[in-house]
Amino acid sequence: MENQKINYQKLLDKTISELTERKTLLLHACCAPCSSYVIEYLSSFFDITIYYYNPNIHPEAEYNRRLQELKDFLGKFPKALETKIKLIVDSYDTEDYFNSTKVREEINLQTEREMGERCRRCYEFRMKRAWEYAEKNNFDYFTTTLSISPHKDSSKINKIGADLQEKSSSTLKYLFSDFKKKGGFLRSLEISEEFGLYRQDYCGCVFSMRK
């Protein structure tokens, strides 16, 4: 079956329907707005730990602003407080981004539209880092908030997750998702407005900022 024909929302619904108890979930997150609906939706089924690893974000002041906004949001969002969501912050080193994506060496990647190969590589290196953390810390499931954005390719995101699981010898499972579905993206806009969240006007890297 071709990736674009897979209904990832149905896969998520199926996984949730088959759960017999709460499971632990490591949730890679890029910002507060993208986390909002995902937390609201998944916190009824999982004990969530958010993993913030985004060295692609430029400049550092923007990275810090998004991180602080996420911290502030977790400190006041009822679902986050009720379920005691934790936050893990990994290192911020932009060389991780450049070395992993090879975007400096492959000049053509710098002018690509969003959702191209540059973005796929960016999804992959962040998700791989989060997956490794989840494995080391014995989480039941791993996923990312990235698919909530209409500017992100959910097929590429879920293919990366499937590959990580296939290559792994651990019991960690990838949670397939397309969080923009079922009104997820619209709900994230509503929550953002309700809590006055800062919504950035570019994805994160210096090349998306130039657009």
N, C-alpha and C. Protein backbone atom coordinates (compact mmCIF):
# COMPACT_ATOMS: atom_id res chain seq x y z
N MET A 1 0.85 -1.21 0.00
CA MET A 1 0.00 0.00 0.00
C MET A 1 0.88 1.25 0.00
N GLU A 2 0.53 2.22 -0.83
CA GLU A 2 1.30 3.46 -0.88
C GLU A 2 1.07 4.27 0.38
N ASN A 3 2.14 4.97 0.82
CA ASN A 3 2.05 5.75 2.06
C ASN A 3 0.88 6.72 2.06
N GLN A 4 0.65 7.38 0.89
CA GLN A 4 -0.36 8.42 0.87
C GLN A 4 -1.77 7.86 1.00
N LYS A 5 -1.93 6.54 0.83
CA LYS A 5 -3.24 5.93 0.93
C LYS A 5 -3.55 5.43 2.34
N ILE A 6 -2.58 5.48 3.22
CA ILE A 6 -2.78 4.99 4.57
C ILE A 6 -3.51 6.05 5.39
N ASN A 7 -4.54 5.65 6.10
CA ASN A 7 -5.27 6.55 6.98
C ASN A 7 -4.66 6.43 8.37
N TYR A 8 -3.75 7.35 8.70
CA TYR A 8 -3.03 7.26 9.96
C TYR A 8 -3.93 7.55 11.15
N GLN A 9 -4.95 8.35 10.95
CA GLN A 9 -5.90 8.61 12.03
C GLN A 9 -6.63 7.33 12.42
N LYS A 10 -7.00 6.53 11.43
CA LYS A 10 -7.66 5.26 11.73
C LYS A 10 -6.73 4.31 12.47
N LEU A 11 -5.46 4.32 12.11
CA LEU A 11 -4.49 3.49 12.82
C LEU A 11 -4.38 3.93 14.28
N LEU A 12 -4.38 5.24 14.50
CA LEU A 12 -4.32 5.75 15.87
C LEU A 12 -5.56 5.35 16.65
N ASP A 13 -6.73 5.53 16.03
CA ASP A 13 -7.98 5.15 16.69
C ASP A 13 -7.98 3.67 17.05
N LYS A 14 -7.47 2.83 16.16
CA LYS A 14 -7.42 1.39 16.40
C LYS A 14 -6.50 1.07 17.58
N THR A 15 -5.33 1.69 17.59
CA THR A 15 -4.39 1.45 18.69
C THR A 15 -5.01 1.83 20.03
N ILE A 16 -5.64 2.99 20.07
CA ILE A 16 -6.26 3.46 21.31
C ILE A 16 -7.39 2.53 21.74
N SER A 17 -8.18 2.06 20.79
CA SER A 17 -9.31 1.19 21.12
C SER A 17 -8.86 -0.14 21.68
N GLU A 18 -7.64 -0.56 21.36
CA GLU A 18 -7.14 -1.85 21.81
C GLU A 18 -6.36 -1.77 23.12
N LEU A 19 -6.16 -0.57 23.63
CA LEU A 19 -5.45 -0.43 24.91
C LEU A 19 -6.32 -0.95 26.04
N THR A 20 -5.72 -1.72 26.92
CA THR A 20 -6.44 -2.24 28.08
C THR A 20 -6.03 -1.53 29.36
N GLU A 21 -5.02 -0.68 29.27
CA GLU A 21 -4.55 0.10 30.41
C GLU A 21 -3.77 1.30 29.90
N ARG A 22 -3.53 2.25 30.77
CA ARG A 22 -2.75 3.42 30.38
C ARG A 22 -1.31 3.00 30.08
N LYS A 23 -0.75 3.61 29.05
CA LYS A 23 0.62 3.33 28.66
C LYS A 23 1.45 4.61 28.75
N THR A 24 2.76 4.45 28.81
CA THR A 24 3.64 5.60 28.82
C THR A 24 3.95 6.01 27.38
N LEU A 25 4.01 7.31 27.17
CA LEU A 25 4.25 7.85 25.83
C LEU A 25 5.28 8.96 25.89
N LEU A 26 6.32 8.85 25.07
CA LEU A 26 7.25 9.97 24.88
C LEU A 26 6.78 10.73 23.66
N LEU A 27 6.46 11.99 23.86
CA LEU A 27 5.91 12.83 22.81
C LEU A 27 6.91 13.90 22.41
N HIS A 28 7.51 13.74 21.24
CA HIS A 28 8.38 14.81 20.74
C HIS A 28 7.50 16.01 20.40
N ALA A 29 7.87 17.19 20.87
CA ALA A 29 7.07 18.40 20.63
C ALA A 29 7.97 19.52 20.12
N CYS A 30 7.41 20.33 19.23
CA CYS A 30 8.16 21.44 18.65
C CYS A 30 7.77 22.80 19.24
N CYS A 31 6.56 22.89 19.82
CA CYS A 31 6.10 24.17 20.37
C CYS A 31 4.80 23.95 21.15
N ALA A 32 4.36 24.97 21.85
CA ALA A 32 3.13 24.87 22.63
C ALA A 32 1.88 24.72 21.76
N PRO A 33 1.69 25.52 20.72
CA PRO A 33 0.47 25.38 19.91
C PRO A 33 0.30 23.99 19.32
N CYS A 34 1.37 23.41 18.81
CA CYS A 34 1.27 22.07 18.22
C CYS A 34 1.04 21.01 19.29
N SER A 35 1.49 21.27 20.51
CA SER A 35 1.31 20.31 21.60
C SER A 35 -0.10 20.34 22.17
N SER A 36 -0.78 21.47 22.04
CA SER A 36 -2.02 21.70 22.78
C SER A 36 -3.09 20.64 22.53
N TYR A 37 -3.52 20.50 21.30
CA TYR A 37 -4.57 19.51 21.01
C TYR A 37 -4.07 18.09 21.24
N VAL A 38 -2.81 17.82 20.91
CA VAL A 38 -2.27 16.48 21.07
C VAL A 38 -2.32 16.05 22.54
N ILE A 39 -1.96 16.97 23.43
CA ILE A 39 -2.05 16.68 24.86
C ILE A 39 -3.50 16.45 25.27
N GLU A 40 -4.38 17.32 24.82
CA GLU A 40 -5.79 17.20 25.16
C GLU A 40 -6.34 15.85 24.71
N TYR A 41 -5.94 15.42 23.55
CA TYR A 41 -6.45 14.19 22.95
C TYR A 41 -5.85 12.93 23.60
N LEU A 42 -4.53 12.90 23.75
CA LEU A 42 -3.86 11.67 24.17
C LEU A 42 -3.77 11.47 25.68
N SER A 43 -3.92 12.53 26.44
CA SER A 43 -3.73 12.41 27.90
C SER A 43 -4.77 11.53 28.57
N SER A 44 -5.85 11.23 27.90
CA SER A 44 -6.86 10.32 28.46
C SER A 44 -6.42 8.87 28.37
N PHE A 45 -5.40 8.60 27.56
CA PHE A 45 -4.99 7.21 27.31
C PHE A 45 -3.55 6.91 27.68
N PHE A 46 -2.73 7.96 27.78
CA PHE A 46 -1.31 7.77 28.01
C PHE A 46 -0.79 8.66 29.13
N ASP A 47 0.24 8.18 29.81
CA ASP A 47 1.02 9.03 30.71
C ASP A 47 2.12 9.65 29.86
N ILE A 48 2.01 10.95 29.63
CA ILE A 48 2.84 11.62 28.63
C ILE A 48 4.05 12.32 29.24
N THR A 49 5.18 12.10 28.60
CA THR A 49 6.37 12.91 28.85
C THR A 49 6.72 13.60 27.53
N ILE A 50 6.84 14.91 27.58
CA ILE A 50 7.18 15.67 26.37
C ILE A 50 8.70 15.78 26.25
N TYR A 51 9.17 15.57 25.04
CA TYR A 51 10.60 15.62 24.75
C TYR A 51 10.84 16.77 23.77
N TYR A 52 11.54 17.78 24.24
CA TYR A 52 11.78 18.98 23.43
C TYR A 52 13.20 18.93 22.89
N TYR A 53 13.30 18.57 21.62
CA TYR A 53 14.60 18.54 20.94
C TYR A 53 14.42 19.15 19.57
N ASN A 54 14.87 20.40 19.42
CA ASN A 54 14.63 21.16 18.19
C ASN A 54 15.78 22.11 17.87
N PRO A 55 16.98 21.57 17.65
CA PRO A 55 18.11 22.45 17.33
C PRO A 55 18.06 23.02 15.93
N ASN A 56 17.02 22.70 15.20
CA ASN A 56 16.79 23.33 13.89
C ASN A 56 16.30 24.76 14.01
N ILE A 57 15.74 25.12 15.17
CA ILE A 57 15.11 26.43 15.32
C ILE A 57 16.15 27.54 15.33
N HIS A 58 15.90 28.57 14.55
CA HIS A 58 16.80 29.71 14.40
C HIS A 58 16.00 31.01 14.54
N PRO A 59 16.56 31.99 15.23
CA PRO A 59 17.79 32.00 16.01
C PRO A 59 17.56 31.42 17.41
N GLU A 60 18.58 31.47 18.24
CA GLU A 60 18.47 30.89 19.58
C GLU A 60 17.40 31.59 20.41
N ALA A 61 17.22 32.89 20.20
CA ALA A 61 16.19 33.62 20.94
C ALA A 61 14.80 33.06 20.61
N GLU A 62 14.60 32.67 19.37
CA GLU A 62 13.33 32.07 18.97
C GLU A 62 13.16 30.69 19.61
N TYR A 63 14.23 29.93 19.64
CA TYR A 63 14.21 28.62 20.32
C TYR A 63 13.79 28.79 21.78
N ASN A 64 14.42 29.73 22.45
CA ASN A 64 14.12 29.95 23.87
C ASN A 64 12.69 30.44 24.08
N ARG A 65 12.22 31.26 23.16
CA ARG A 65 10.84 31.76 23.28
C ARG A 65 9.83 30.63 23.16
N ARG A 66 10.05 29.75 22.20
CA ARG A 66 9.13 28.62 22.01
C ARG A 66 9.19 27.66 23.20
N LEU A 67 10.39 27.43 23.71
CA LEU A 67 10.53 26.55 24.87
C LEU A 67 9.83 27.13 26.08
N GLN A 68 10.03 28.42 26.34
CA GLN A 68 9.39 29.05 27.49
C GLN A 68 7.87 29.05 27.35
N GLU A 69 7.39 29.26 26.14
CA GLU A 69 5.95 29.23 25.90
C GLU A 69 5.38 27.85 26.21
N LEU A 70 6.12 26.81 25.84
CA LEU A 70 5.69 25.44 26.15
C LEU A 70 5.68 25.21 27.66
N LYS A 71 6.71 25.65 28.35
CA LYS A 71 6.75 25.49 29.81
C LYS A 71 5.58 26.21 30.47
N ASP A 72 5.33 27.44 30.03
CA ASP A 72 4.23 28.22 30.61
C ASP A 72 2.89 27.54 30.35
N PHE A 73 2.72 27.01 29.14
CA PHE A 73 1.47 26.35 28.78
C PHE A 73 1.24 25.11 29.63
N LEU A 74 2.27 24.31 29.81
CA LEU A 74 2.14 23.09 30.61
C LEU A 74 1.80 23.42 32.06
N GLY A 75 2.19 24.61 32.49
CA GLY A 75 1.92 25.02 33.87
C GLY A 75 0.52 25.55 34.10
N LYS A 76 -0.28 25.68 33.02
CA LYS A 76 -1.64 26.21 33.21
C LYS A 76 -2.72 25.45 32.44
N PHE A 77 -2.31 24.53 31.56
CA PHE A 77 -3.31 23.79 30.79
C PHE A 77 -3.89 22.67 31.66
N PRO A 78 -5.19 22.65 31.89
CA PRO A 78 -5.80 21.68 32.81
C PRO A 78 -5.41 20.23 32.54
N LYS A 79 -5.45 19.80 31.29
CA LYS A 79 -5.12 18.41 30.98
C LYS A 79 -3.67 18.06 31.33
N ALA A 80 -2.78 19.03 31.14
CA ALA A 80 -1.38 18.80 31.48
C ALA A 80 -1.19 18.71 32.99
N LEU A 81 -1.92 19.55 33.72
CA LEU A 81 -1.82 19.55 35.17
C LEU A 81 -2.47 18.31 35.78
N GLU A 82 -3.64 17.94 35.26
CA GLU A 82 -4.37 16.79 35.79
C GLU A 82 -3.57 15.50 35.65
N THR A 83 -2.89 15.34 34.53
CA THR A 83 -2.17 14.09 34.26
C THR A 83 -0.67 14.20 34.55
N LYS A 84 -0.25 15.33 35.09
CA LYS A 84 1.13 15.53 35.54
C LYS A 84 2.14 15.26 34.42
N ILE A 85 1.92 15.93 33.30
CA ILE A 85 2.81 15.77 32.16
C ILE A 85 4.20 16.32 32.49
N LYS A 86 5.21 15.56 32.13
CA LYS A 86 6.59 15.95 32.38
C LYS A 86 7.21 16.53 31.10
N LEU A 87 8.26 17.29 31.28
CA LEU A 87 8.96 17.89 30.15
C LEU A 87 10.45 17.59 30.24
N ILE A 88 11.00 16.99 29.20
CA ILE A 88 12.44 16.74 29.08
C ILE A 88 12.97 17.68 28.00
N VAL A 89 13.99 18.46 28.33
CA VAL A 89 14.60 19.39 27.38
C VAL A 89 15.99 18.89 27.03
N ASP A 90 16.19 18.55 25.78
CA ASP A 90 17.50 18.10 25.30
C ASP A 90 18.34 19.32 24.92
N SER A 91 19.54 19.07 24.45
CA SER A 91 20.49 20.14 24.17
C SER A 91 20.09 20.95 22.94
N TYR A 92 20.59 22.17 22.89
CA TYR A 92 20.40 23.03 21.72
C TYR A 92 21.76 23.30 21.10
N ASP A 93 22.03 22.60 20.01
CA ASP A 93 23.28 22.78 19.27
C ASP A 93 22.92 22.76 17.79
N THR A 94 22.97 23.90 17.15
CA THR A 94 22.55 23.99 15.75
C THR A 94 23.41 23.13 14.82
N GLU A 95 24.63 22.79 15.26
CA GLU A 95 25.46 21.91 14.44
C GLU A 95 24.82 20.54 14.28
N ASP A 96 24.05 20.11 15.27
CA ASP A 96 23.32 18.84 15.14
C ASP A 96 22.41 18.87 13.93
N TYR A 97 21.74 20.00 13.77
CA TYR A 97 20.82 20.16 12.64
C TYR A 97 21.58 20.15 11.31
N PHE A 98 22.61 20.97 11.21
CA PHE A 98 23.34 21.08 9.95
C PHE A 98 24.07 19.79 9.60
N ASN A 99 24.67 19.14 10.59
CA ASN A 99 25.39 17.90 10.31
C ASN A 99 24.46 16.77 9.92
N SER A 100 23.28 16.73 10.51
CA SER A 100 22.35 15.64 10.24
C SER A 100 21.63 15.80 8.91
N THR A 101 21.31 17.02 8.54
CA THR A 101 20.55 17.24 7.31
C THR A 101 21.45 17.46 6.09
N LYS A 102 22.72 17.79 6.31
CA LYS A 102 23.66 18.06 5.22
C LYS A 102 23.20 19.22 4.34
N VAL A 103 22.45 20.13 4.94
CA VAL A 103 21.86 21.21 4.15
C VAL A 103 22.89 22.25 3.72
N ARG A 104 24.00 22.33 4.43
CA ARG A 104 25.05 23.26 4.01
C ARG A 104 25.79 22.74 2.78
N GLU A 105 25.98 21.42 2.75
CA GLU A 105 26.70 20.82 1.64
C GLU A 105 25.85 20.70 0.38
N GLU A 106 24.57 20.40 0.56
CA GLU A 106 23.67 20.21 -0.58
C GLU A 106 22.84 21.49 -0.74
N ILE A 107 23.38 22.41 -1.49
CA ILE A 107 22.84 23.77 -1.60
C ILE A 107 21.39 23.78 -2.09
N ASN A 108 21.06 22.84 -2.95
CA ASN A 108 19.69 22.81 -3.50
C ASN A 108 18.63 22.65 -2.42
N LEU A 109 19.00 22.05 -1.29
CA LEU A 109 18.04 21.85 -0.20
C LEU A 109 17.63 23.17 0.44
N GLN A 110 18.48 24.16 0.36
CA GLN A 110 18.23 25.42 1.05
C GLN A 110 17.08 26.21 0.45
N THR A 111 16.79 25.98 -0.81
CA THR A 111 15.74 26.75 -1.48
C THR A 111 14.46 25.94 -1.71
N GLU A 112 14.42 24.75 -1.17
CA GLU A 112 13.23 23.91 -1.31
C GLU A 112 12.02 24.52 -0.60
N ARG A 113 10.85 24.22 -1.13
CA ARG A 113 9.63 24.55 -0.41
C ARG A 113 9.51 23.63 0.81
N GLU A 114 8.74 24.07 1.80
CA GLU A 114 8.50 23.23 2.96
C GLU A 114 7.82 21.94 2.53
N MET A 115 8.14 20.84 3.25
CA MET A 115 7.64 19.49 3.01
C MET A 115 8.52 18.71 2.04
N GLY A 116 9.65 19.28 1.63
CA GLY A 116 10.57 18.60 0.74
C GLY A 116 11.56 17.73 1.49
N GLU A 117 12.68 17.41 0.83
CA GLU A 117 13.69 16.53 1.41
C GLU A 117 14.39 17.17 2.61
N ARG A 118 14.63 18.47 2.56
CA ARG A 118 15.24 19.14 3.71
C ARG A 118 14.40 18.93 4.96
N CYS A 119 13.10 19.10 4.82
CA CYS A 119 12.20 18.93 5.96
C CYS A 119 12.14 17.47 6.41
N ARG A 120 12.13 16.54 5.44
CA ARG A 120 12.10 15.13 5.81
C ARG A 120 13.31 14.77 6.67
N ARG A 121 14.47 15.25 6.28
CA ARG A 121 15.69 14.98 7.05
C ARG A 121 15.62 15.60 8.45
N CYS A 122 14.98 16.76 8.51
CA CYS A 122 14.83 17.43 9.80
C CYS A 122 13.89 16.65 10.71
N TYR A 123 12.77 16.15 10.16
CA TYR A 123 11.89 15.30 10.95
C TYR A 123 12.69 14.11 11.49
N GLU A 124 13.45 13.50 10.58
CA GLU A 124 14.10 12.22 10.89
C GLU A 124 15.13 12.35 12.01
N PHE A 125 15.98 13.36 11.94
CA PHE A 125 17.04 13.41 12.95
C PHE A 125 16.48 13.76 14.33
N ARG A 126 15.41 14.55 14.39
CA ARG A 126 14.80 14.84 15.69
C ARG A 126 14.03 13.64 16.23
N MET A 127 13.31 12.96 15.35
CA MET A 127 12.54 11.79 15.78
C MET A 127 13.47 10.66 16.21
N LYS A 128 14.58 10.49 15.51
CA LYS A 128 15.54 9.44 15.87
C LYS A 128 16.11 9.69 17.26
N ARG A 129 16.44 10.93 17.55
CA ARG A 129 16.99 11.28 18.86
C ARG A 129 15.95 10.99 19.96
N ALA A 130 14.71 11.36 19.71
CA ALA A 130 13.65 11.13 20.68
C ALA A 130 13.39 9.63 20.85
N TRP A 131 13.39 8.90 19.75
CA TRP A 131 13.19 7.45 19.80
C TRP A 131 14.25 6.80 20.70
N GLU A 132 15.49 7.20 20.52
CA GLU A 132 16.59 6.63 21.31
C GLU A 132 16.39 6.92 22.81
N TYR A 133 15.92 8.11 23.11
CA TYR A 133 15.64 8.44 24.52
C TYR A 133 14.52 7.55 25.05
N ALA A 134 13.48 7.38 24.25
CA ALA A 134 12.34 6.56 24.67
C ALA A 134 12.77 5.11 24.91
N GLU A 135 13.63 4.60 24.05
CA GLU A 135 14.14 3.24 24.23
C GLU A 135 14.92 3.10 25.53
N LYS A 136 15.83 4.02 25.76
CA LYS A 136 16.69 3.95 26.95
C LYS A 136 15.89 4.06 28.24
N ASN A 137 14.75 4.72 28.17
CA ASN A 137 13.96 4.96 29.37
C ASN A 137 12.67 4.14 29.43
N ASN A 138 12.60 3.11 28.61
CA ASN A 138 11.56 2.08 28.69
C ASN A 138 10.13 2.62 28.53
N PHE A 139 9.96 3.52 27.59
CA PHE A 139 8.60 3.98 27.28
C PHE A 139 7.87 2.91 26.47
N ASP A 140 6.56 2.91 26.57
CA ASP A 140 5.76 1.97 25.78
C ASP A 140 5.58 2.44 24.35
N TYR A 141 5.37 3.76 24.19
CA TYR A 141 5.10 4.32 22.87
C TYR A 141 5.90 5.61 22.66
N PHE A 142 6.07 5.95 21.38
CA PHE A 142 6.68 7.21 20.99
C PHE A 142 5.92 7.79 19.80
N THR A 143 5.74 9.11 19.80
CA THR A 143 5.23 9.80 18.61
C THR A 143 5.66 11.26 18.66
N THR A 144 5.23 12.03 17.67
CA THR A 144 5.61 13.45 17.58
C THR A 144 4.39 14.30 17.27
N THR A 145 4.43 15.54 17.67
CA THR A 145 3.34 16.47 17.37
C THR A 145 3.40 17.01 15.95
N LEU A 146 4.46 16.72 15.22
CA LEU A 146 4.69 17.35 13.93
C LEU A 146 3.54 17.19 12.95
N SER A 147 2.83 16.07 13.00
CA SER A 147 1.79 15.83 12.00
C SER A 147 0.56 16.71 12.17
N ILE A 148 0.48 17.50 13.22
CA ILE A 148 -0.69 18.36 13.40
C ILE A 148 -0.66 19.55 12.43
N SER A 149 0.49 19.88 11.92
CA SER A 149 0.60 21.04 11.04
C SER A 149 0.20 20.68 9.61
N PRO A 150 -0.62 21.50 8.96
CA PRO A 150 -0.95 21.27 7.55
C PRO A 150 0.25 21.49 6.64
N HIS A 151 1.33 22.04 7.18
CA HIS A 151 2.55 22.28 6.41
C HIS A 151 3.56 21.16 6.56
N LYS A 152 3.19 20.09 7.28
CA LYS A 152 4.08 18.94 7.47
C LYS A 152 3.50 17.73 6.75
N ASP A 153 4.37 16.92 6.20
CA ASP A 153 3.98 15.75 5.44
C ASP A 153 3.82 14.56 6.38
N SER A 154 2.59 14.21 6.71
CA SER A 154 2.34 13.14 7.67
C SER A 154 2.80 11.78 7.15
N SER A 155 2.77 11.58 5.84
CA SER A 155 3.24 10.31 5.28
C SER A 155 4.73 10.12 5.55
N LYS A 156 5.51 11.18 5.35
CA LYS A 156 6.94 11.10 5.61
C LYS A 156 7.22 10.91 7.10
N ILE A 157 6.48 11.62 7.92
CA ILE A 157 6.65 11.52 9.38
C ILE A 157 6.38 10.09 9.85
N ASN A 158 5.28 9.52 9.40
CA ASN A 158 4.91 8.18 9.84
C ASN A 158 5.80 7.11 9.24
N LYS A 159 6.32 7.33 8.05
CA LYS A 159 7.29 6.40 7.46
C LYS A 159 8.55 6.36 8.31
N ILE A 160 9.00 7.51 8.77
CA ILE A 160 10.17 7.56 9.64
C ILE A 160 9.91 6.77 10.93
N GLY A 161 8.74 7.00 11.52
CA GLY A 161 8.39 6.28 12.75
C GLY A 161 8.32 4.79 12.54
N ALA A 162 7.74 4.36 11.43
CA ALA A 162 7.64 2.93 11.12
C ALA A 162 9.03 2.32 10.94
N ASP A 163 9.92 3.05 10.27
CA ASP A 163 11.29 2.56 10.06
C ASP A 163 12.05 2.44 11.39
N LEU A 164 11.87 3.41 12.26
CA LEU A 164 12.53 3.35 13.56
C LEU A 164 12.09 2.12 14.34
N GLN A 165 10.81 1.83 14.30
CA GLN A 165 10.30 0.66 15.01
C GLN A 165 10.81 -0.63 14.36
N GLU A 166 10.80 -0.67 13.04
CA GLU A 166 11.22 -1.88 12.34
C GLU A 166 12.68 -2.23 12.62
N LYS A 167 13.52 -1.21 12.73
CA LYS A 167 14.95 -1.43 12.94
C LYS A 167 15.30 -1.67 14.41
N SER A 168 14.35 -1.47 15.29
CA SER A 168 14.61 -1.56 16.73
C SER A 168 14.42 -2.99 17.24
N SER A 169 15.20 -3.34 18.24
CA SER A 169 15.06 -4.65 18.88
C SER A 169 14.33 -4.52 20.22
N SER A 170 13.88 -3.32 20.55
CA SER A 170 13.20 -3.08 21.82
C SER A 170 11.69 -3.30 21.67
N THR A 171 10.98 -3.16 22.77
CA THR A 171 9.51 -3.30 22.75
C THR A 171 8.81 -1.98 22.49
N LEU A 172 9.57 -0.90 22.32
CA LEU A 172 8.98 0.41 22.05
C LEU A 172 8.18 0.39 20.75
N LYS A 173 7.01 1.01 20.77
CA LYS A 173 6.15 1.07 19.60
C LYS A 173 5.98 2.51 19.14
N TYR A 174 5.91 2.68 17.83
CA TYR A 174 5.62 3.99 17.27
C TYR A 174 4.11 4.16 17.18
N LEU A 175 3.62 5.29 17.63
CA LEU A 175 2.19 5.59 17.60
C LEU A 175 1.89 6.37 16.31
N PHE A 176 1.32 5.69 15.33
CA PHE A 176 0.96 6.34 14.07
C PHE A 176 -0.08 7.42 14.34
N SER A 177 0.01 8.51 13.59
CA SER A 177 -0.91 9.62 13.86
C SER A 177 -0.95 10.59 12.69
N ASP A 178 -2.04 11.31 12.62
CA ASP A 178 -2.14 12.49 11.74
C ASP A 178 -3.04 13.45 12.50
N PHE A 179 -2.43 14.16 13.44
CA PHE A 179 -3.19 14.91 14.43
C PHE A 179 -3.99 16.06 13.85
N LYS A 180 -3.73 16.44 12.61
CA LYS A 180 -4.53 17.50 12.00
C LYS A 180 -5.95 17.04 11.69
N LYS A 181 -6.14 15.71 11.59
CA LYS A 181 -7.43 15.14 11.25
C LYS A 181 -8.42 15.26 12.41
N LYS A 182 -9.67 14.99 12.13
CA LYS A 182 -10.75 15.06 13.12
C LYS A 182 -10.80 16.43 13.79
N GLY A 183 -10.47 17.47 13.03
CA GLY A 183 -10.50 18.83 13.56
C GLY A 183 -9.36 19.16 14.50
N GLY A 184 -8.31 18.35 14.49
CA GLY A 184 -7.20 18.55 15.42
C GLY A 184 -6.49 19.88 15.25
N PHE A 185 -6.20 20.24 13.99
CA PHE A 185 -5.51 21.51 13.76
C PHE A 185 -6.39 22.68 14.18
N LEU A 186 -7.67 22.62 13.83
CA LEU A 186 -8.59 23.70 14.19
C LEU A 186 -8.72 23.81 15.71
N ARG A 187 -8.73 22.67 16.37
CA ARG A 187 -8.81 22.69 17.84
C ARG A 187 -7.55 23.32 18.45
N SER A 188 -6.41 23.07 17.83
CA SER A 188 -5.17 23.68 18.32
C SER A 188 -5.22 25.19 18.19
N LEU A 189 -5.88 25.68 17.15
CA LEU A 189 -6.05 27.13 16.99
C LEU A 189 -6.94 27.70 18.09
N GLU A 190 -7.99 26.95 18.42
CA GLU A 190 -8.91 27.39 19.48
C GLU A 190 -8.19 27.45 20.83
N ILE A 191 -7.44 26.42 21.13
CA ILE A 191 -6.72 26.38 22.41
C ILE A 191 -5.68 27.50 22.45
N SER A 192 -5.00 27.71 21.33
CA SER A 192 -3.99 28.77 21.27
C SER A 192 -4.61 30.13 21.56
N GLU A 193 -5.79 30.36 20.99
CA GLU A 193 -6.48 31.64 21.23
C GLU A 193 -6.94 31.75 22.68
N GLU A 194 -7.47 30.65 23.21
CA GLU A 194 -7.96 30.66 24.59
C GLU A 194 -6.86 30.96 25.59
N PHE A 195 -5.66 30.41 25.35
CA PHE A 195 -4.56 30.59 26.29
C PHE A 195 -3.56 31.65 25.84
N GLY A 196 -3.86 32.35 24.77
CA GLY A 196 -2.99 33.42 24.30
C GLY A 196 -1.61 32.95 23.92
N LEU A 197 -1.52 31.79 23.25
CA LEU A 197 -0.23 31.22 22.91
C LEU A 197 0.43 31.94 21.74
N TYR A 198 1.72 32.06 21.83
CA TYR A 198 2.51 32.62 20.74
C TYR A 198 2.55 31.60 19.60
N ARG A 199 2.07 32.01 18.44
CA ARG A 199 2.11 31.16 17.25
C ARG A 199 3.11 31.75 16.26
N GLN A 200 4.23 31.07 16.09
CA GLN A 200 5.28 31.55 15.21
C GLN A 200 4.81 31.55 13.76
N ASP A 201 5.43 32.40 12.94
CA ASP A 201 5.01 32.52 11.54
C ASP A 201 5.98 31.83 10.57
N TYR A 202 6.87 30.99 11.09
CA TYR A 202 7.71 30.14 10.25
C TYR A 202 8.04 28.88 11.02
N CYS A 203 8.41 27.83 10.28
CA CYS A 203 8.58 26.52 10.90
C CYS A 203 9.67 26.52 11.97
N GLY A 204 10.87 26.99 11.58
CA GLY A 204 11.92 26.99 12.59
C GLY A 204 13.31 27.25 12.05
N CYS A 205 13.71 26.55 10.98
CA CYS A 205 15.08 26.70 10.51
C CYS A 205 15.28 28.04 9.80
N VAL A 206 16.54 28.37 9.60
CA VAL A 206 16.88 29.64 8.98
C VAL A 206 16.34 29.73 7.55
N PHE A 207 16.20 28.59 6.89
CA PHE A 207 15.73 28.59 5.51
C PHE A 207 14.23 28.81 5.44
N SER A 208 13.48 28.28 6.40
CA SER A 208 12.05 28.56 6.46
C SER A 208 11.80 29.99 6.90
N MET A 209 12.70 30.54 7.70
CA MET A 209 12.58 31.93 8.16
C MET A 209 12.72 32.89 6.98
N ARG A 210 13.58 32.56 6.04
CA ARG A 210 13.80 33.42 4.88
C ARG A 210 12.57 33.48 3.99
N LYS A 211 11.75 32.43 4.03
CA LYS A 211 10.54 32.40 3.21
C LYS A 211 9.51 33.40 3.71
